[in-house]
Amino acid sequence: MPLDAPAPLYQGERLRDLILCYAGPWAFLPYLRCREDEELLWHSRQGVLLAFVEVAIGLALVIMGLFPMVGLLTVRFLLPIWLLWCLGNSVTSVLQACKGKRHKIPVISQLMDYL
């Protein structure tokens, strides 16, 4: 196989499980079902932590949005940027996982290694 050839993508149930790993609360399904697969377990743990951090920071931004001056900044600018960052990380992680690679999200992967 030439070095510049793209890596084959996973198919079937494996692909479904890798997509579910980064689909928010659905990351628990591959975590509970595929306990013997170490790679899938790693991706599902990272997906669960990512979903938790997404919700926690998103909720904090919405609560900050209730205050008069700070609310305009958080709801109109920071919240959309945060949601786009989360979506970008999820899509990038799914694409890398389908190629058999581990995309380490900066703070999430360090927290996951600590736990």
N, C-alpha and C. Protein backbone atom coordinates (compact mmCIF):
# COMPACT_ATOMS: atom_id res chain seq x y z
N MET A 1 0.85 -1.18 0.00
CA MET A 1 0.00 0.00 0.00
C MET A 1 0.90 1.24 0.00
N PRO A 2 0.68 2.17 -0.92
CA PRO A 2 1.48 3.40 -0.95
C PRO A 2 1.26 4.23 0.31
N LEU A 3 2.26 5.04 0.64
CA LEU A 3 2.18 5.85 1.85
C LEU A 3 1.12 6.93 1.77
N ASP A 4 0.84 7.45 0.59
CA ASP A 4 -0.13 8.53 0.46
C ASP A 4 -1.57 8.04 0.28
N ALA A 5 -1.78 6.74 0.30
CA ALA A 5 -3.14 6.20 0.15
C ALA A 5 -3.91 6.43 1.44
N PRO A 6 -5.18 6.82 1.33
CA PRO A 6 -5.97 7.04 2.54
C PRO A 6 -6.24 5.72 3.27
N ALA A 7 -6.33 5.81 4.58
CA ALA A 7 -6.61 4.62 5.39
C ALA A 7 -8.04 4.17 5.16
N PRO A 8 -8.29 2.87 5.14
CA PRO A 8 -9.67 2.41 4.93
C PRO A 8 -10.56 2.78 6.11
N LEU A 9 -11.76 3.16 5.78
CA LEU A 9 -12.71 3.52 6.83
C LEU A 9 -13.39 2.27 7.37
N TYR A 10 -13.80 2.36 8.63
CA TYR A 10 -14.55 1.27 9.21
C TYR A 10 -15.94 1.24 8.60
N GLN A 11 -16.59 0.08 8.70
CA GLN A 11 -17.94 -0.06 8.15
C GLN A 11 -18.81 -0.79 9.13
N GLY A 12 -20.11 -0.70 8.92
CA GLY A 12 -21.08 -1.46 9.70
C GLY A 12 -21.21 -1.01 11.15
N GLU A 13 -21.26 -1.99 12.05
CA GLU A 13 -21.49 -1.69 13.46
C GLU A 13 -20.34 -0.90 14.07
N ARG A 14 -19.13 -1.17 13.62
CA ARG A 14 -17.97 -0.45 14.14
C ARG A 14 -18.07 1.04 13.82
N LEU A 15 -18.48 1.37 12.60
CA LEU A 15 -18.66 2.76 12.21
C LEU A 15 -19.76 3.41 13.02
N ARG A 16 -20.86 2.69 13.22
CA ARG A 16 -21.97 3.22 14.01
C ARG A 16 -21.52 3.52 15.44
N ASP A 17 -20.77 2.59 16.03
CA ASP A 17 -20.31 2.80 17.40
C ASP A 17 -19.33 3.96 17.50
N LEU A 18 -18.47 4.13 16.51
CA LEU A 18 -17.53 5.25 16.54
C LEU A 18 -18.25 6.59 16.40
N ILE A 19 -19.30 6.63 15.60
CA ILE A 19 -20.08 7.86 15.48
C ILE A 19 -20.83 8.14 16.78
N LEU A 20 -21.39 7.10 17.40
CA LEU A 20 -22.10 7.29 18.65
C LEU A 20 -21.19 7.74 19.78
N CYS A 21 -19.92 7.40 19.70
CA CYS A 21 -18.97 7.81 20.76
C CYS A 21 -18.91 9.32 20.91
N TYR A 22 -19.12 10.05 19.85
CA TYR A 22 -19.02 11.51 19.90
C TYR A 22 -20.37 12.18 19.66
N ALA A 23 -21.45 11.48 19.93
CA ALA A 23 -22.79 12.03 19.72
C ALA A 23 -23.47 12.37 21.04
N GLY A 24 -22.74 13.06 21.90
CA GLY A 24 -23.32 13.52 23.15
C GLY A 24 -23.66 12.40 24.11
N PRO A 25 -24.88 12.39 24.62
CA PRO A 25 -25.24 11.39 25.63
C PRO A 25 -25.29 9.97 25.07
N TRP A 26 -25.29 9.81 23.76
CA TRP A 26 -25.31 8.48 23.15
C TRP A 26 -23.97 7.77 23.29
N ALA A 27 -22.96 8.44 23.80
CA ALA A 27 -21.64 7.83 23.96
C ALA A 27 -21.64 6.72 24.99
N PHE A 28 -22.65 6.69 25.84
CA PHE A 28 -22.73 5.63 26.83
C PHE A 28 -23.05 4.27 26.20
N LEU A 29 -23.72 4.25 25.06
CA LEU A 29 -24.08 2.98 24.43
C LEU A 29 -22.86 2.16 24.02
N PRO A 30 -21.89 2.72 23.27
CA PRO A 30 -20.71 1.91 22.96
C PRO A 30 -19.88 1.59 24.20
N TYR A 31 -19.91 2.48 25.18
CA TYR A 31 -19.16 2.25 26.41
C TYR A 31 -19.70 1.04 27.16
N LEU A 32 -21.00 0.89 27.19
CA LEU A 32 -21.61 -0.23 27.90
C LEU A 32 -21.60 -1.52 27.09
N ARG A 33 -21.69 -1.40 25.77
CA ARG A 33 -21.82 -2.58 24.92
C ARG A 33 -20.48 -3.21 24.56
N CYS A 34 -19.46 -2.42 24.33
CA CYS A 34 -18.19 -2.94 23.82
C CYS A 34 -17.08 -2.77 24.86
N ARG A 35 -17.18 -3.48 25.95
CA ARG A 35 -16.21 -3.34 27.03
C ARG A 35 -14.87 -4.01 26.70
N GLU A 36 -14.83 -4.93 25.75
CA GLU A 36 -13.59 -5.63 25.46
C GLU A 36 -12.73 -4.93 24.41
N ASP A 37 -13.29 -4.00 23.67
CA ASP A 37 -12.58 -3.28 22.62
C ASP A 37 -11.94 -2.03 23.23
N GLU A 38 -10.63 -2.04 23.38
CA GLU A 38 -9.93 -0.95 24.07
C GLU A 38 -10.00 0.36 23.29
N GLU A 39 -9.88 0.31 21.97
CA GLU A 39 -9.93 1.53 21.17
C GLU A 39 -11.31 2.18 21.24
N LEU A 40 -12.34 1.39 21.10
CA LEU A 40 -13.70 1.92 21.18
C LEU A 40 -14.00 2.43 22.58
N LEU A 41 -13.48 1.78 23.58
CA LEU A 41 -13.65 2.22 24.96
C LEU A 41 -12.98 3.58 25.18
N TRP A 42 -11.80 3.78 24.60
CA TRP A 42 -11.10 5.06 24.71
C TRP A 42 -11.92 6.18 24.07
N HIS A 43 -12.44 5.92 22.87
CA HIS A 43 -13.22 6.93 22.17
C HIS A 43 -14.52 7.23 22.91
N SER A 44 -15.16 6.22 23.47
CA SER A 44 -16.41 6.48 24.19
C SER A 44 -16.16 7.23 25.49
N ARG A 45 -15.06 6.96 26.19
CA ARG A 45 -14.74 7.73 27.40
C ARG A 45 -14.47 9.19 27.05
N GLN A 46 -13.74 9.42 25.97
CA GLN A 46 -13.49 10.80 25.56
C GLN A 46 -14.79 11.48 25.13
N GLY A 47 -15.66 10.75 24.46
CA GLY A 47 -16.95 11.32 24.04
C GLY A 47 -17.85 11.65 25.22
N VAL A 48 -17.85 10.80 26.24
CA VAL A 48 -18.65 11.08 27.43
C VAL A 48 -18.14 12.32 28.14
N LEU A 49 -16.82 12.43 28.29
CA LEU A 49 -16.25 13.62 28.94
C LEU A 49 -16.51 14.87 28.11
N LEU A 50 -16.40 14.76 26.80
CA LEU A 50 -16.68 15.90 25.93
C LEU A 50 -18.12 16.35 26.07
N ALA A 51 -19.05 15.41 26.10
CA ALA A 51 -20.46 15.76 26.26
C ALA A 51 -20.71 16.43 27.61
N PHE A 52 -20.09 15.92 28.66
CA PHE A 52 -20.25 16.51 29.98
C PHE A 52 -19.72 17.95 30.01
N VAL A 53 -18.55 18.17 29.43
CA VAL A 53 -17.96 19.50 29.42
C VAL A 53 -18.79 20.44 28.53
N GLU A 54 -19.30 19.94 27.42
CA GLU A 54 -20.15 20.76 26.55
C GLU A 54 -21.37 21.26 27.30
N VAL A 55 -22.03 20.36 28.01
CA VAL A 55 -23.24 20.74 28.74
C VAL A 55 -22.91 21.68 29.89
N ALA A 56 -21.85 21.39 30.64
CA ALA A 56 -21.50 22.21 31.80
C ALA A 56 -21.15 23.64 31.39
N ILE A 57 -20.31 23.79 30.39
CA ILE A 57 -19.92 25.14 29.97
C ILE A 57 -21.06 25.83 29.23
N GLY A 58 -21.82 25.10 28.44
CA GLY A 58 -22.99 25.69 27.78
C GLY A 58 -24.02 26.18 28.78
N LEU A 59 -24.25 25.40 29.83
CA LEU A 59 -25.18 25.83 30.88
C LEU A 59 -24.66 27.04 31.62
N ALA A 60 -23.35 27.07 31.88
CA ALA A 60 -22.76 28.24 32.55
C ALA A 60 -22.90 29.49 31.69
N LEU A 61 -22.72 29.35 30.39
CA LEU A 61 -22.87 30.50 29.49
C LEU A 61 -24.32 30.97 29.42
N VAL A 62 -25.26 30.03 29.44
CA VAL A 62 -26.68 30.42 29.43
C VAL A 62 -27.05 31.13 30.73
N ILE A 63 -26.54 30.64 31.86
CA ILE A 63 -26.81 31.30 33.14
C ILE A 63 -26.19 32.69 33.17
N MET A 64 -24.98 32.82 32.63
CA MET A 64 -24.36 34.15 32.55
C MET A 64 -25.15 35.07 31.62
N GLY A 65 -25.87 34.47 30.68
CA GLY A 65 -26.69 35.26 29.77
C GLY A 65 -27.86 35.93 30.44
N LEU A 66 -28.18 35.53 31.65
CA LEU A 66 -29.29 36.15 32.38
C LEU A 66 -28.92 37.51 32.95
N PHE A 67 -27.64 37.80 33.06
CA PHE A 67 -27.20 39.09 33.61
C PHE A 67 -27.17 40.13 32.50
N PRO A 68 -27.52 41.39 32.82
CA PRO A 68 -27.73 42.41 31.77
C PRO A 68 -26.56 42.64 30.81
N MET A 69 -25.43 43.10 31.27
CA MET A 69 -24.35 43.47 30.35
C MET A 69 -23.55 42.25 29.87
N VAL A 70 -23.28 41.34 30.75
CA VAL A 70 -22.50 40.15 30.39
C VAL A 70 -23.33 39.22 29.50
N GLY A 71 -24.64 39.24 29.68
CA GLY A 71 -25.52 38.36 28.94
C GLY A 71 -25.47 38.57 27.44
N LEU A 72 -25.38 39.82 27.03
CA LEU A 72 -25.32 40.11 25.60
C LEU A 72 -24.06 39.51 24.98
N LEU A 73 -22.96 39.64 25.67
CA LEU A 73 -21.71 39.11 25.16
C LEU A 73 -21.72 37.58 25.13
N THR A 74 -22.20 36.97 26.20
CA THR A 74 -22.13 35.51 26.27
C THR A 74 -23.11 34.83 25.32
N VAL A 75 -24.34 35.30 25.28
CA VAL A 75 -25.35 34.61 24.47
C VAL A 75 -25.16 34.87 22.98
N ARG A 76 -24.75 36.06 22.63
CA ARG A 76 -24.63 36.38 21.20
C ARG A 76 -23.29 36.00 20.59
N PHE A 77 -22.24 35.97 21.41
CA PHE A 77 -20.91 35.72 20.84
C PHE A 77 -20.27 34.45 21.37
N LEU A 78 -20.16 34.31 22.68
CA LEU A 78 -19.42 33.19 23.25
C LEU A 78 -20.15 31.86 23.10
N LEU A 79 -21.45 31.84 23.29
CA LEU A 79 -22.19 30.60 23.17
C LEU A 79 -22.15 30.01 21.76
N PRO A 80 -22.37 30.81 20.69
CA PRO A 80 -22.24 30.22 19.34
C PRO A 80 -20.82 29.75 19.03
N ILE A 81 -19.81 30.50 19.49
CA ILE A 81 -18.43 30.07 19.26
C ILE A 81 -18.16 28.76 20.01
N TRP A 82 -18.66 28.65 21.23
CA TRP A 82 -18.48 27.43 22.01
C TRP A 82 -19.16 26.24 21.33
N LEU A 83 -20.37 26.44 20.85
CA LEU A 83 -21.09 25.34 20.20
C LEU A 83 -20.42 24.91 18.89
N LEU A 84 -19.89 25.87 18.14
CA LEU A 84 -19.17 25.52 16.91
C LEU A 84 -17.87 24.79 17.23
N TRP A 85 -17.19 25.17 18.31
CA TRP A 85 -15.97 24.48 18.72
C TRP A 85 -16.28 23.03 19.09
N CYS A 86 -17.38 22.84 19.82
CA CYS A 86 -17.78 21.49 20.22
C CYS A 86 -18.14 20.64 19.00
N LEU A 87 -18.88 21.21 18.08
CA LEU A 87 -19.25 20.48 16.86
C LEU A 87 -18.01 20.14 16.04
N GLY A 88 -17.10 21.08 15.92
CA GLY A 88 -15.86 20.83 15.18
C GLY A 88 -15.03 19.73 15.79
N ASN A 89 -14.92 19.72 17.11
CA ASN A 89 -14.16 18.66 17.78
C ASN A 89 -14.83 17.31 17.62
N SER A 90 -16.14 17.28 17.68
CA SER A 90 -16.85 16.01 17.52
C SER A 90 -16.67 15.45 16.11
N VAL A 91 -16.80 16.30 15.11
CA VAL A 91 -16.66 15.86 13.72
C VAL A 91 -15.22 15.41 13.45
N THR A 92 -14.25 16.19 13.92
CA THR A 92 -12.84 15.83 13.73
C THR A 92 -12.51 14.52 14.43
N SER A 93 -13.04 14.33 15.62
CA SER A 93 -12.78 13.10 16.36
C SER A 93 -13.40 11.89 15.68
N VAL A 94 -14.60 12.04 15.13
CA VAL A 94 -15.22 10.93 14.41
C VAL A 94 -14.42 10.58 13.16
N LEU A 95 -13.99 11.60 12.42
CA LEU A 95 -13.22 11.34 11.20
C LEU A 95 -11.89 10.67 11.52
N GLN A 96 -11.23 11.12 12.57
CA GLN A 96 -9.96 10.49 12.95
C GLN A 96 -10.17 9.08 13.48
N ALA A 97 -11.25 8.87 14.24
CA ALA A 97 -11.54 7.54 14.77
C ALA A 97 -11.84 6.55 13.65
N CYS A 98 -12.51 7.02 12.61
CA CYS A 98 -12.81 6.13 11.48
C CYS A 98 -11.55 5.72 10.73
N LYS A 99 -10.51 6.51 10.82
CA LYS A 99 -9.23 6.17 10.18
C LYS A 99 -8.34 5.35 11.11
N GLY A 100 -8.81 5.09 12.33
CA GLY A 100 -8.03 4.30 13.27
C GLY A 100 -7.09 5.12 14.12
N LYS A 101 -7.25 6.44 14.13
CA LYS A 101 -6.37 7.32 14.89
C LYS A 101 -7.12 7.85 16.12
N ARG A 102 -6.36 8.34 17.06
CA ARG A 102 -6.94 8.95 18.26
C ARG A 102 -6.72 10.45 18.22
N HIS A 103 -7.81 11.20 18.10
CA HIS A 103 -7.75 12.66 18.12
C HIS A 103 -7.84 13.10 19.57
N LYS A 104 -6.76 13.65 20.08
CA LYS A 104 -6.75 14.07 21.48
C LYS A 104 -7.22 15.52 21.58
N ILE A 105 -8.38 15.71 22.18
CA ILE A 105 -8.92 17.05 22.42
C ILE A 105 -8.10 17.64 23.57
N PRO A 106 -7.62 18.87 23.45
CA PRO A 106 -6.61 19.41 24.37
C PRO A 106 -6.83 19.15 25.85
N VAL A 107 -7.85 19.63 26.44
CA VAL A 107 -8.03 19.49 27.89
C VAL A 107 -8.75 18.18 28.22
N ILE A 108 -9.65 17.76 27.36
CA ILE A 108 -10.45 16.57 27.61
C ILE A 108 -9.57 15.32 27.69
N SER A 109 -8.63 15.18 26.79
CA SER A 109 -7.79 13.98 26.79
C SER A 109 -6.88 13.94 28.02
N GLN A 110 -6.41 15.10 28.48
CA GLN A 110 -5.60 15.15 29.69
C GLN A 110 -6.43 14.77 30.90
N LEU A 111 -7.66 15.25 30.95
CA LEU A 111 -8.56 14.89 32.05
C LEU A 111 -8.89 13.40 32.01
N MET A 112 -9.07 12.87 30.81
CA MET A 112 -9.38 11.44 30.67
C MET A 112 -8.21 10.58 31.10
N ASP A 113 -6.99 10.98 30.79
CA ASP A 113 -5.81 10.24 31.22
C ASP A 113 -5.65 10.30 32.73
N TYR A 114 -6.06 11.38 33.32
CA TYR A 114 -5.97 11.53 34.78
C TYR A 114 -6.98 10.62 35.48
N LEU A 115 -8.18 10.52 34.91
CA LEU A 115 -9.22 9.67 35.51
C LEU A 115 -8.92 8.24 35.18
